[in-house]
Protein backbone atom coordinates (compact mmCIF):
# COMPACT_ATOMS: atom_id res chain seq x y z
CA UNK A 1 -89.79 -154.37 -112.01
CA UNK A 2 -93.24 -153.79 -110.57
CA UNK A 3 -94.04 -153.71 -106.88
CA UNK A 4 -95.47 -157.23 -107.02
CA UNK A 5 -92.24 -158.52 -108.53
CA UNK A 6 -90.20 -156.67 -105.91
CA UNK A 7 -92.19 -158.36 -103.13
CA UNK A 8 -91.31 -161.72 -104.64
CA UNK A 9 -87.62 -160.86 -105.10
CA UNK A 10 -86.97 -159.36 -101.65
CA UNK A 11 -87.99 -160.35 -98.15
CA UNK A 12 -89.50 -157.84 -95.74
CA UNK A 13 -86.14 -157.69 -93.93
CA UNK A 14 -84.39 -156.98 -97.25
CA UNK A 15 -86.78 -154.12 -97.95
CA UNK A 16 -86.49 -152.77 -94.40
CA UNK A 17 -82.69 -152.91 -94.63
CA UNK A 18 -82.67 -151.00 -97.93
CA UNK A 19 -85.09 -148.41 -96.58
CA UNK A 20 -82.85 -147.81 -93.56
CA UNK A 21 -79.78 -147.61 -95.81
CA UNK A 22 -81.48 -145.10 -98.10
CA UNK A 23 -82.52 -142.93 -95.17
CA UNK A 24 -79.11 -143.08 -93.49
CA UNK A 25 -76.59 -143.21 -96.34
CA UNK A 26 -75.42 -139.61 -95.84
CA UNK A 27 -76.06 -139.09 -92.11
CA UNK A 28 -73.40 -136.81 -90.61
CA UNK A 29 -71.92 -135.87 -94.01
CA UNK A 30 -69.25 -133.16 -93.55
CA UNK A 31 -69.59 -131.76 -97.09
CA UNK A 32 -66.32 -133.11 -98.46
CA UNK A 33 -65.51 -136.27 -100.40
CA UNK A 34 -63.42 -139.35 -99.64
CA UNK A 35 -60.48 -138.14 -101.70
CA UNK A 36 -60.32 -134.95 -99.65
CA UNK A 37 -60.61 -136.96 -96.42
CA UNK A 38 -57.77 -139.25 -97.46
CA UNK A 39 -55.47 -136.53 -98.81
CA UNK A 40 -55.99 -134.34 -95.74
CA UNK A 41 -55.47 -137.34 -93.48
CA UNK A 42 -58.57 -136.42 -91.50
CA UNK A 43 -59.78 -138.24 -88.40
CA UNK A 44 -62.27 -140.17 -90.56
CA UNK A 45 -59.63 -141.28 -93.06
CA UNK A 46 -57.32 -142.41 -90.28
CA UNK A 47 -60.12 -144.09 -88.32
CA UNK A 48 -61.29 -146.08 -91.35
CA UNK A 49 -57.81 -146.67 -92.85
CA UNK A 50 -58.58 -144.72 -96.04
CA UNK A 51 -61.23 -147.28 -97.04
CA UNK A 52 -64.49 -145.49 -97.84
CA UNK A 53 -64.13 -143.21 -94.81
CA UNK A 54 -67.36 -141.28 -95.35
CA UNK A 55 -69.50 -144.33 -96.09
CA UNK A 56 -67.98 -146.15 -93.12
CA UNK A 57 -68.82 -143.19 -90.90
CA UNK A 58 -72.38 -143.01 -92.27
CA UNK A 59 -72.90 -146.72 -91.55
CA UNK A 60 -71.43 -146.39 -88.06
CA UNK A 61 -73.57 -143.37 -87.18
CA UNK A 62 -76.68 -145.06 -88.59
CA UNK A 63 -76.00 -148.15 -86.48
CA UNK A 64 -75.55 -146.00 -83.37
CA UNK A 65 -78.77 -144.09 -84.01
CA UNK A 66 -80.72 -147.28 -84.63
CA UNK A 67 -79.41 -148.82 -81.42
CA UNK A 68 -80.10 -145.67 -79.35
CA UNK A 69 -83.61 -145.32 -80.74
CA UNK A 70 -84.55 -148.97 -80.24
CA UNK A 71 -85.80 -149.03 -83.82
CA UNK A 72 -85.00 -152.72 -84.24
CA UNK A 73 -85.89 -153.88 -80.73
CA UNK A 74 -89.10 -155.51 -81.99
CA UNK A 75 -87.23 -158.13 -84.04
CA UNK A 76 -84.99 -161.00 -82.96
CA UNK A 77 -81.26 -160.61 -82.38
CA UNK A 78 -80.57 -162.69 -85.49
CA UNK A 79 -82.84 -160.47 -87.59
CA UNK A 80 -81.23 -157.30 -86.16
CA UNK A 81 -77.79 -158.59 -87.14
CA UNK A 82 -79.04 -159.41 -90.63
CA UNK A 83 -80.73 -156.02 -91.12
CA UNK A 84 -77.63 -154.20 -89.87
CA UNK A 85 -75.29 -156.21 -92.12
CA UNK A 86 -77.46 -155.57 -95.18
CA UNK A 87 -77.80 -151.87 -94.34
CA UNK A 88 -74.03 -151.50 -93.88
CA UNK A 89 -73.36 -153.31 -97.16
CA UNK A 90 -75.78 -151.03 -99.01
CA UNK A 91 -74.29 -147.87 -97.48
CA UNK A 92 -70.72 -148.94 -98.27
CA UNK A 93 -71.79 -149.63 -101.86
CA UNK A 94 -72.56 -145.90 -102.26
CA UNK A 95 -68.80 -145.21 -102.52
CA UNK A 96 -68.67 -144.55 -106.25
CA UNK A 97 -64.91 -145.04 -106.40
CA UNK A 98 -65.55 -148.76 -105.95
CA UNK A 99 -67.60 -148.97 -109.14
CA UNK A 100 -65.11 -147.74 -111.72
CA UNK A 101 -61.70 -148.97 -112.83
CA UNK A 102 -58.84 -146.53 -112.36
């Protein structure tokens, strides 16, 4: 898919959301994996009920940083909600255990 095709397939908010997700998808990573977090019953695993604890933490930290920085203050509340939802969805999708059958 060329850049012209990508422009037609995704809105500016879609592209902005994916860019934010790409930049933030490992923010605050502790250097372990989800299986370790769950088996060790870490704070992250307990906080996120063993469901993609690292990705959930990355999305949460990214949202906090974006809010603190005012990065999305220039767009409407509705657009901010949409960007955040898309970014969170993209970050959560980086949990590889969700992409393979056990």
